[in-house]
Amino acid sequence: MKNQQRIMTSLRFLQQYLDEIEQIVPATYDEYMQSLIIRRSSERQIQIIIEQVSDICALLCRDVFSKIPGDDASILDILSETWFIFRNV
């Protein structure tokens, strides 16, 4: 796998981002709603997590499935097609 190191690094970053969001999000929804800073920081952290997952998926498309995605929608198309193929093997 050509990009294995990049994928592993991206997965480590993803784990770091997930750990960080656990530190941000309060225990209750009411606490969350009462703090604009907590809401915005949580929303930004979720955005970062989604971007990291998208990057990992793009690397998988290129490296594992030898397909070059053009955008996020094509990444999902490639992964859903290949998932269907592997699921039915």
PDB file of N, CA and C in Angstrom:
ATOM      1  N   MET A   1       0.840  -1.177   0.000  1.00  0.00           N
ATOM      2  CA  MET A   1       0.000   0.000   0.000  1.00  0.00           C
ATOM      3  C   MET A   1       0.887   1.243   0.000  1.00  0.00           C
ATOM      4  N   LYS A   2       0.765   2.027  -1.055  1.00  0.00           N
ATOM      5  CA  LYS A   2       1.640   3.175  -1.264  1.00  0.00           C
ATOM      6  C   LYS A   2       1.461   4.253  -0.191  1.00  0.00           C
ATOM      7  N   ASN A   3       0.252   4.543   0.176  1.00  0.00           N
ATOM      8  CA  ASN A   3      -0.041   5.623   1.128  1.00  0.00           C
ATOM      9  C   ASN A   3      -0.303   5.120   2.542  1.00  0.00           C
ATOM     10  N   GLN A   4       0.171   3.936   2.850  1.00  0.00           N
ATOM     11  CA  GLN A   4      -0.132   3.343   4.158  1.00  0.00           C
ATOM     12  C   GLN A   4       0.305   4.253   5.303  1.00  0.00           C
ATOM     13  N   GLN A   5       1.480   4.847   5.202  1.00  0.00           N
ATOM     14  CA  GLN A   5       1.960   5.724   6.268  1.00  0.00           C
ATOM     15  C   GLN A   5       1.068   6.955   6.413  1.00  0.00           C
ATOM     16  N   ARG A   6       0.645   7.532   5.284  1.00  0.00           N
ATOM     17  CA  ARG A   6      -0.256   8.694   5.343  1.00  0.00           C
ATOM     18  C   ARG A   6      -1.595   8.318   5.960  1.00  0.00           C
ATOM     19  N   ILE A   7      -2.104   7.144   5.602  1.00  0.00           N
ATOM     20  CA  ILE A   7      -3.379   6.689   6.160  1.00  0.00           C
ATOM     21  C   ILE A   7      -3.248   6.494   7.667  1.00  0.00           C
ATOM     22  N   MET A   8      -2.155   5.862   8.097  1.00  0.00           N
ATOM     23  CA  MET A   8      -1.955   5.628   9.531  1.00  0.00           C
ATOM     24  C   MET A   8      -1.798   6.955  10.287  1.00  0.00           C
ATOM     25  N   THR A   9      -1.078   7.899   9.707  1.00  0.00           N
ATOM     26  CA  THR A   9      -0.929   9.215  10.333  1.00  0.00           C
ATOM     27  C   THR A   9      -2.280   9.912  10.432  1.00  0.00           C
ATOM     28  N   SER A  10      -3.058   9.836   9.363  1.00  0.00           N
ATOM     29  CA  SER A  10      -4.391  10.446   9.368  1.00  0.00           C
ATOM     30  C   SER A  10      -5.295   9.802  10.406  1.00  0.00           C
ATOM     31  N   LEU A  11      -5.189   8.500  10.573  1.00  0.00           N
ATOM     32  CA  LEU A  11      -5.984   7.809  11.590  1.00  0.00           C
ATOM     33  C   LEU A  11      -5.577   8.239  12.996  1.00  0.00           C
ATOM     34  N   ARG A  12      -4.291   8.457  13.203  1.00  0.00           N
ATOM     35  CA  ARG A  12      -3.836   8.950  14.519  1.00  0.00           C
ATOM     36  C   ARG A  12      -4.382  10.356  14.788  1.00  0.00           C
ATOM     37  N   PHE A  13      -4.350  11.220  13.757  1.00  0.00           N
ATOM     38  CA  PHE A  13      -4.922  12.557  13.916  1.00  0.00           C
ATOM     39  C   PHE A  13      -6.419  12.463  14.215  1.00  0.00           C
ATOM     40  N   LEU A  14      -7.106  11.580  13.514  1.00  0.00           N
ATOM     41  CA  LEU A  14      -8.539  11.405  13.746  1.00  0.00           C
ATOM     42  C   LEU A  14      -8.798  11.010  15.196  1.00  0.00           C
ATOM     43  N   GLN A  15      -8.018  10.082  15.717  1.00  0.00           N
ATOM     44  CA  GLN A  15      -8.183   9.674  17.114  1.00  0.00           C
ATOM     45  C   GLN A  15      -7.931  10.844  18.057  1.00  0.00           C
ATOM     46  N   GLN A  16      -6.925  11.640  17.744  1.00  0.00           N
ATOM     47  CA  GLN A  16      -6.628  12.827  18.559  1.00  0.00           C
ATOM     48  C   GLN A  16      -7.810  13.795  18.560  1.00  0.00           C
ATOM     49  N   TYR A  17      -8.393  14.032  17.380  1.00  0.00           N
ATOM     50  CA  TYR A  17      -9.530  14.943  17.280  1.00  0.00           C
ATOM     51  C   TYR A  17     -10.740  14.414  18.039  1.00  0.00           C
ATOM     52  N   LEU A  18     -10.944  13.104  17.985  1.00  0.00           N
ATOM     53  CA  LEU A  18     -12.056  12.497  18.731  1.00  0.00           C
ATOM     54  C   LEU A  18     -11.836  12.631  20.239  1.00  0.00           C
ATOM     55  N   ASP A  19     -10.605  12.428  20.671  1.00  0.00           N
ATOM     56  CA  ASP A  19     -10.288  12.601  22.095  1.00  0.00           C
ATOM     57  C   ASP A  19     -10.516  14.041  22.534  1.00  0.00           C
ATOM     58  N   GLU A  20     -10.138  14.981  21.663  1.00  0.00           N
ATOM     59  CA  GLU A  20     -10.297  16.394  21.998  1.00  0.00           C
ATOM     60  C   GLU A  20     -11.761  16.800  22.117  1.00  0.00           C
ATOM     61  N   ILE A  21     -12.607  16.261  21.253  1.00  0.00           N
ATOM     62  CA  ILE A  21     -14.020  16.654  21.328  1.00  0.00           C
ATOM     63  C   ILE A  21     -14.656  16.133  22.613  1.00  0.00           C
ATOM     64  N   GLU A  22     -14.170  15.013  23.110  1.00  0.00           N
ATOM     65  CA  GLU A  22     -14.687  14.506  24.389  1.00  0.00           C
ATOM     66  C   GLU A  22     -14.371  15.465  25.531  1.00  0.00           C
ATOM     67  N   GLN A  23     -13.282  16.201  25.402  1.00  0.00           N
ATOM     68  CA  GLN A  23     -12.909  17.173  26.431  1.00  0.00           C
ATOM     69  C   GLN A  23     -13.743  18.445  26.334  1.00  0.00           C
ATOM     70  N   ILE A  24     -14.264  18.735  25.146  1.00  0.00           N
ATOM     71  CA  ILE A  24     -15.015  19.970  24.913  1.00  0.00           C
ATOM     72  C   ILE A  24     -16.481  19.839  25.312  1.00  0.00           C
ATOM     73  N   VAL A  25     -17.099  18.734  24.892  1.00  0.00           N
ATOM     74  CA  VAL A  25     -18.545  18.580  25.034  1.00  0.00           C
ATOM     75  C   VAL A  25     -18.915  18.365  26.505  1.00  0.00           C
ATOM     76  N   PRO A  26     -19.838  19.170  27.015  1.00  0.00           N
ATOM     77  CA  PRO A  26     -20.266  19.018  28.412  1.00  0.00           C
ATOM     78  C   PRO A  26     -21.168  17.786  28.599  1.00  0.00           C
ATOM     79  N   ALA A  27     -21.478  17.518  29.839  1.00  0.00           N
ATOM     80  CA  ALA A  27     -22.249  16.324  30.174  1.00  0.00           C
ATOM     81  C   ALA A  27     -23.713  16.404  29.754  1.00  0.00           C
ATOM     82  N   THR A  28     -24.264  17.617  29.727  1.00  0.00           N
ATOM     83  CA  THR A  28     -25.688  17.737  29.416  1.00  0.00           C
ATOM     84  C   THR A  28     -25.920  18.663  28.218  1.00  0.00           C
ATOM     85  N   TYR A  29     -27.052  18.462  27.595  1.00  0.00           N
ATOM     86  CA  TYR A  29     -27.449  19.298  26.463  1.00  0.00           C
ATOM     87  C   TYR A  29     -27.673  20.735  26.920  1.00  0.00           C
ATOM     88  N   ASP A  30     -28.241  20.910  28.095  1.00  0.00           N
ATOM     89  CA  ASP A  30     -28.484  22.263  28.606  1.00  0.00           C
ATOM     90  C   ASP A  30     -27.175  23.043  28.764  1.00  0.00           C
ATOM     91  N   GLU A  31     -26.156  22.393  29.290  1.00  0.00           N
ATOM     92  CA  GLU A  31     -24.845  23.039  29.417  1.00  0.00           C
ATOM     93  C   GLU A  31     -24.302  23.422  28.040  1.00  0.00           C
ATOM     94  N   TYR A  32     -24.487  22.529  27.096  1.00  0.00           N
ATOM     95  CA  TYR A  32     -24.051  22.782  25.723  1.00  0.00           C
ATOM     96  C   TYR A  32     -24.754  24.013  25.151  1.00  0.00           C
ATOM     97  N   MET A  33     -26.050  24.080  25.320  1.00  0.00           N
ATOM     98  CA  MET A  33     -26.836  25.169  24.757  1.00  0.00           C
ATOM     99  C   MET A  33     -26.560  26.507  25.451  1.00  0.00           C
ATOM    100  N   GLN A  34     -26.138  26.477  26.697  1.00  0.00           N
ATOM    101  CA  GLN A  34     -25.904  27.720  27.446  1.00  0.00           C
ATOM    102  C   GLN A  34     -24.583  28.406  27.092  1.00  0.00           C
ATOM    103  N   SER A  35     -23.701  27.710  26.393  1.00  0.00           N
ATOM    104  CA  SER A  35     -22.389  28.279  26.121  1.00  0.00           C
ATOM    105  C   SER A  35     -22.122  28.364  24.620  1.00  0.00           C
ATOM    106  N   LEU A  36     -22.083  29.587  24.122  1.00  0.00           N
ATOM    107  CA  LEU A  36     -21.773  29.804  22.710  1.00  0.00           C
ATOM    108  C   LEU A  36     -20.368  29.300  22.385  1.00  0.00           C
ATOM    109  N   ILE A  37     -19.438  29.498  23.275  1.00  0.00           N
ATOM    110  CA  ILE A  37     -18.060  29.054  23.056  1.00  0.00           C
ATOM    111  C   ILE A  37     -17.996  27.533  22.928  1.00  0.00           C
ATOM    112  N   ILE A  38     -18.693  26.831  23.788  1.00  0.00           N
ATOM    113  CA  ILE A  38     -18.703  25.360  23.719  1.00  0.00           C
ATOM    114  C   ILE A  38     -19.374  24.907  22.432  1.00  0.00           C
ATOM    115  N   ARG A  39     -20.483  25.532  22.071  1.00  0.00           N
ATOM    116  CA  ARG A  39     -21.178  25.136  20.834  1.00  0.00           C
ATOM    117  C   ARG A  39     -20.288  25.342  19.618  1.00  0.00           C
ATOM    118  N   ARG A  40     -19.686  26.507  19.506  1.00  0.00           N
ATOM    119  CA  ARG A  40     -18.857  26.808  18.334  1.00  0.00           C
ATOM    120  C   ARG A  40     -17.603  25.936  18.290  1.00  0.00           C
ATOM    121  N   SER A  41     -16.985  25.724  19.431  1.00  0.00           N
ATOM    122  CA  SER A  41     -15.786  24.884  19.436  1.00  0.00           C
ATOM    123  C   SER A  41     -16.139  23.432  19.118  1.00  0.00           C
ATOM    124  N   SER A  42     -17.282  22.977  19.593  1.00  0.00           N
ATOM    125  CA  SER A  42     -17.738  21.615  19.269  1.00  0.00           C
ATOM    126  C   SER A  42     -18.039  21.482  17.781  1.00  0.00           C
ATOM    127  N   GLU A  43     -18.730  22.481  17.234  1.00  0.00           N
ATOM    128  CA  GLU A  43     -19.053  22.456  15.807  1.00  0.00           C
ATOM    129  C   GLU A  43     -17.787  22.462  14.960  1.00  0.00           C
ATOM    130  N   ARG A  44     -16.812  23.257  15.339  1.00  0.00           N
ATOM    131  CA  ARG A  44     -15.550  23.304  14.585  1.00  0.00           C
ATOM    132  C   ARG A  44     -14.812  21.979  14.689  1.00  0.00           C
ATOM    133  N   GLN A  45     -14.819  21.397  15.872  1.00  0.00           N
ATOM    134  CA  GLN A  45     -14.138  20.110  16.046  1.00  0.00           C
ATOM    135  C   GLN A  45     -14.812  19.026  15.206  1.00  0.00           C
ATOM    136  N   ILE A  46     -16.122  19.047  15.136  1.00  0.00           N
ATOM    137  CA  ILE A  46     -16.844  18.084  14.290  1.00  0.00           C
ATOM    138  C   ILE A  46     -16.485  18.309  12.824  1.00  0.00           C
ATOM    139  N   GLN A  47     -16.372  19.559  12.420  1.00  0.00           N
ATOM    140  CA  GLN A  47     -15.977  19.871  11.046  1.00  0.00           C
ATOM    141  C   GLN A  47     -14.580  19.306  10.749  1.00  0.00           C
ATOM    142  N   ILE A  48     -13.653  19.476  11.674  1.00  0.00           N
ATOM    143  CA  ILE A  48     -12.299  18.953  11.508  1.00  0.00           C
ATOM    144  C   ILE A  48     -12.329  17.428  11.397  1.00  0.00           C
ATOM    145  N   ILE A  49     -13.139  16.789  12.220  1.00  0.00           N
ATOM    146  CA  ILE A  49     -13.255  15.327  12.196  1.00  0.00           C
ATOM    147  C   ILE A  49     -13.798  14.864  10.842  1.00  0.00           C
ATOM    148  N   ILE A  50     -14.818  15.522  10.349  1.00  0.00           N
ATOM    149  CA  ILE A  50     -15.402  15.158   9.055  1.00  0.00           C
ATOM    150  C   ILE A  50     -14.374  15.331   7.938  1.00  0.00           C
ATOM    151  N   GLU A  51     -13.623  16.425   7.969  1.00  0.00           N
ATOM    152  CA  GLU A  51     -12.584  16.650   6.962  1.00  0.00           C
ATOM    153  C   GLU A  51     -11.522  15.552   7.016  1.00  0.00           C
ATOM    154  N   GLN A  52     -11.159  15.137   8.210  1.00  0.00           N
ATOM    155  CA  GLN A  52     -10.146  14.090   8.356  1.00  0.00           C
ATOM    156  C   GLN A  52     -10.668  12.762   7.821  1.00  0.00           C
ATOM    157  N   VAL A  53     -11.916  12.433   8.118  1.00  0.00           N
ATOM    158  CA  VAL A  53     -12.521  11.200   7.597  1.00  0.00           C
ATOM    159  C   VAL A  53     -12.572  11.253   6.070  1.00  0.00           C
ATOM    160  N   SER A  54     -12.925  12.394   5.522  1.00  0.00           N
ATOM    161  CA  SER A  54     -12.961  12.557   4.074  1.00  0.00           C
ATOM    162  C   SER A  54     -11.576  12.347   3.462  1.00  0.00           C
ATOM    163  N   ASP A  55     -10.553  12.905   4.093  1.00  0.00           N
ATOM    164  CA  ASP A  55      -9.183  12.725   3.611  1.00  0.00           C
ATOM    165  C   ASP A  55      -8.772  11.254   3.639  1.00  0.00           C
ATOM    166  N   ILE A  56      -9.114  10.556   4.707  1.00  0.00           N
ATOM    167  CA  ILE A  56      -8.792   9.135   4.815  1.00  0.00           C
ATOM    168  C   ILE A  56      -9.513   8.347   3.724  1.00  0.00           C
ATOM    169  N   CYS A  57     -10.762   8.657   3.504  1.00  0.00           N
ATOM    170  CA  CYS A  57     -11.526   7.970   2.460  1.00  0.00           C
ATOM    171  C   CYS A  57     -10.934   8.219   1.078  1.00  0.00           C
ATOM    172  N   ALA A  58     -10.477   9.447   0.819  1.00  0.00           N
ATOM    173  CA  ALA A  58      -9.852   9.762  -0.467  1.00  0.00           C
ATOM    174  C   ALA A  58      -8.561   8.969  -0.640  1.00  0.00           C
ATOM    175  N   LEU A  59      -7.774   8.859   0.422  1.00  0.00           N
ATOM    176  CA  LEU A  59      -6.551   8.054   0.356  1.00  0.00           C
ATOM    177  C   LEU A  59      -6.868   6.591   0.073  1.00  0.00           C
ATOM    178  N   LEU A  60      -7.905   6.082   0.719  1.00  0.00           N
ATOM    179  CA  LEU A  60      -8.305   4.687   0.475  1.00  0.00           C
ATOM    180  C   LEU A  60      -8.754   4.484  -0.966  1.00  0.00           C
ATOM    181  N   CYS A  61      -9.512   5.436  -1.487  1.00  0.00           N
ATOM    182  CA  CYS A  61      -9.961   5.341  -2.882  1.00  0.00           C
ATOM    183  C   CYS A  61      -8.779   5.244  -3.825  1.00  0.00           C
ATOM    184  N   ARG A  62      -7.786   6.100  -3.594  1.00  0.00           N
ATOM    185  CA  ARG A  62      -6.622   6.121  -4.482  1.00  0.00           C
ATOM    186  C   ARG A  62      -5.740   4.893  -4.290  1.00  0.00           C
ATOM    187  N   ASP A  63      -5.496   4.541  -3.034  1.00  0.00           N
ATOM    188  CA  ASP A  63      -4.494   3.515  -2.744  1.00  0.00           C
ATOM    189  C   ASP A  63      -5.051   2.102  -2.820  1.00  0.00           C
ATOM    190  N   VAL A  64      -6.195   1.882  -2.228  1.00  0.00           N
ATOM    191  CA  VAL A  64      -6.756   0.529  -2.168  1.00  0.00           C
ATOM    192  C   VAL A  64      -7.551   0.203  -3.423  1.00  0.00           C
ATOM    193  N   PHE A  65      -8.341   1.145  -3.891  1.00  0.00           N
ATOM    194  CA  PHE A  65      -9.245   0.865  -5.008  1.00  0.00           C
ATOM    195  C   PHE A  65      -8.755   1.445  -6.340  1.00  0.00           C
ATOM    196  N   SER A  66      -7.590   2.110  -6.322  1.00  0.00           N
ATOM    197  CA  SER A  66      -6.965   2.668  -7.530  1.00  0.00           C
ATOM    198  C   SER A  66      -7.907   3.552  -8.336  1.00  0.00           C
ATOM    199  N   LYS A  67      -8.693   4.337  -7.629  1.00  0.00           N
ATOM    200  CA  LYS A  67      -9.597   5.279  -8.283  1.00  0.00           C
ATOM    201  C   LYS A  67      -9.315   6.667  -7.731  1.00  0.00           C
ATOM    202  N   ILE A  68      -9.366   7.655  -8.590  1.00  0.00           N
ATOM    203  CA  ILE A  68      -9.086   9.024  -8.181  1.00  0.00           C
ATOM    204  C   ILE A  68     -10.397   9.795  -8.084  1.00  0.00           C
ATOM    205  N   PRO A  69     -10.813  10.102  -6.867  1.00  0.00           N
ATOM    206  CA  PRO A  69     -12.066  10.846  -6.705  1.00  0.00           C
ATOM    207  C   PRO A  69     -11.894  12.314  -7.051  1.00  0.00           C
ATOM    208  N   GLY A  70     -12.960  12.908  -7.570  1.00  0.00           N
ATOM    209  CA  GLY A  70     -12.919  14.324  -7.908  1.00  0.00           C
ATOM    210  C   GLY A  70     -13.394  15.213  -6.776  1.00  0.00           C
ATOM    211  N   ASP A  71     -14.349  14.726  -5.997  1.00  0.00           N
ATOM    212  CA  ASP A  71     -14.903  15.509  -4.898  1.00  0.00           C
ATOM    213  C   ASP A  71     -15.454  14.558  -3.843  1.00  0.00           C
ATOM    214  N   ASP A  72     -16.020  15.130  -2.776  1.00  0.00           N
ATOM    215  CA  ASP A  72     -16.524  14.299  -1.677  1.00  0.00           C
ATOM    216  C   ASP A  72     -17.624  13.346  -2.135  1.00  0.00           C
ATOM    217  N   ALA A  73     -18.477  13.802  -3.039  1.00  0.00           N
ATOM    218  CA  ALA A  73     -19.557  12.933  -3.520  1.00  0.00           C
ATOM    219  C   ALA A  73     -18.994  11.736  -4.279  1.00  0.00           C
ATOM    220  N   SER A  74     -17.953  11.959  -5.082  1.00  0.00           N
ATOM    221  CA  SER A  74     -17.378  10.832  -5.820  1.00  0.00           C
ATOM    222  C   SER A  74     -16.639   9.877  -4.891  1.00  0.00           C
ATOM    223  N   ILE A  75     -16.076  10.402  -3.799  1.00  0.00           N
ATOM    224  CA  ILE A  75     -15.454   9.526  -2.794  1.00  0.00           C
ATOM    225  C   ILE A  75     -16.504   8.572  -2.245  1.00  0.00           C
ATOM    226  N   LEU A  76     -17.655   9.113  -1.884  1.00  0.00           N
ATOM    227  CA  LEU A  76     -18.726   8.278  -1.339  1.00  0.00           C
ATOM    228  C   LEU A  76     -19.234   7.285  -2.381  1.00  0.00           C
ATOM    229  N   ASP A  77     -19.319   7.705  -3.641  1.00  0.00           N
ATOM    230  CA  ASP A  77     -19.735   6.791  -4.710  1.00  0.00           C
ATOM    231  C   ASP A  77     -18.759   5.623  -4.838  1.00  0.00           C
ATOM    232  N   ILE A  78     -17.473   5.927  -4.873  1.00  0.00           N
ATOM    233  CA  ILE A  78     -16.449   4.885  -5.008  1.00  0.00           C
ATOM    234  C   ILE A  78     -16.510   3.921  -3.831  1.00  0.00           C
ATOM    235  N   LEU A  79     -16.585   4.458  -2.632  1.00  0.00           N
ATOM    236  CA  LEU A  79     -16.612   3.595  -1.445  1.00  0.00           C
ATOM    237  C   LEU A  79     -17.886   2.760  -1.383  1.00  0.00           C
ATOM    238  N   SER A  80     -19.004   3.340  -1.769  1.00  0.00           N
ATOM    239  CA  SER A  80     -20.254   2.569  -1.722  1.00  0.00           C
ATOM    240  C   SER A  80     -20.246   1.465  -2.783  1.00  0.00           C
ATOM    241  N   GLU A  81     -19.683   1.736  -3.953  1.00  0.00           N
ATOM    242  CA  GLU A  81     -19.575   0.706  -4.990  1.00  0.00           C
ATOM    243  C   GLU A  81     -18.679  -0.437  -4.534  1.00  0.00           C
ATOM    244  N   THR A  82     -17.530  -0.089  -3.985  1.00  0.00           N
ATOM    245  CA  THR A  82     -16.585  -1.126  -3.560  1.00  0.00           C
ATOM    246  C   THR A  82     -17.108  -1.871  -2.341  1.00  0.00           C
ATOM    247  N   TRP A  83     -17.809  -1.182  -1.454  1.00  0.00           N
ATOM    248  CA  TRP A  83     -18.400  -1.864  -0.295  1.00  0.00           C
ATOM    249  C   TRP A  83     -19.387  -2.915  -0.770  1.00  0.00           C
ATOM    250  N   PHE A  84     -20.202  -2.567  -1.756  1.00  0.00           N
ATOM    251  CA  PHE A  84     -21.179  -3.512  -2.276  1.00  0.00           C
ATOM    252  C   PHE A  84     -20.479  -4.730  -2.865  1.00  0.00           C
ATOM    253  N   ILE A  85     -19.394  -4.514  -3.582  1.00  0.00           N
ATOM    254  CA  ILE A  85     -18.661  -5.623  -4.194  1.00  0.00           C
ATOM    255  C   ILE A  85     -18.073  -6.519  -3.115  1.00  0.00           C
ATOM    256  N   PHE A  86     -17.390  -5.931  -2.121  1.00  0.00           N
ATOM    257  CA  PHE A  86     -16.740  -6.734  -1.070  1.00  0.00           C
ATOM    258  C   PHE A  86     -17.759  -7.415  -0.162  1.00  0.00           C
ATOM    259  N   ARG A  87     -18.876  -6.774   0.046  1.00  0.00           N
ATOM    260  CA  ARG A  87     -19.910  -7.351   0.920  1.00  0.00           C
ATOM    261  C   ARG A  87     -20.484  -8.615   0.321  1.00  0.00           C
ATOM    262  N   ASN A  88     -20.558  -8.686  -1.001  1.00  0.00           N
ATOM    263  CA  ASN A  88     -21.162  -9.825  -1.688  1.00  0.00           C
ATOM    264  C   ASN A  88     -20.166 -10.904  -2.068  1.00  0.00           C
ATOM    265  N   VAL A  89     -18.926 -10.794  -1.606  1.00  0.00           N
ATOM    266  CA  VAL A  89     -17.916 -11.816  -1.935  1.00  0.00           C
ATOM    267  C   VAL A  89     -18.061 -12.993  -1.015  1.00  0.00           C
TER     268      VAL A  89
END
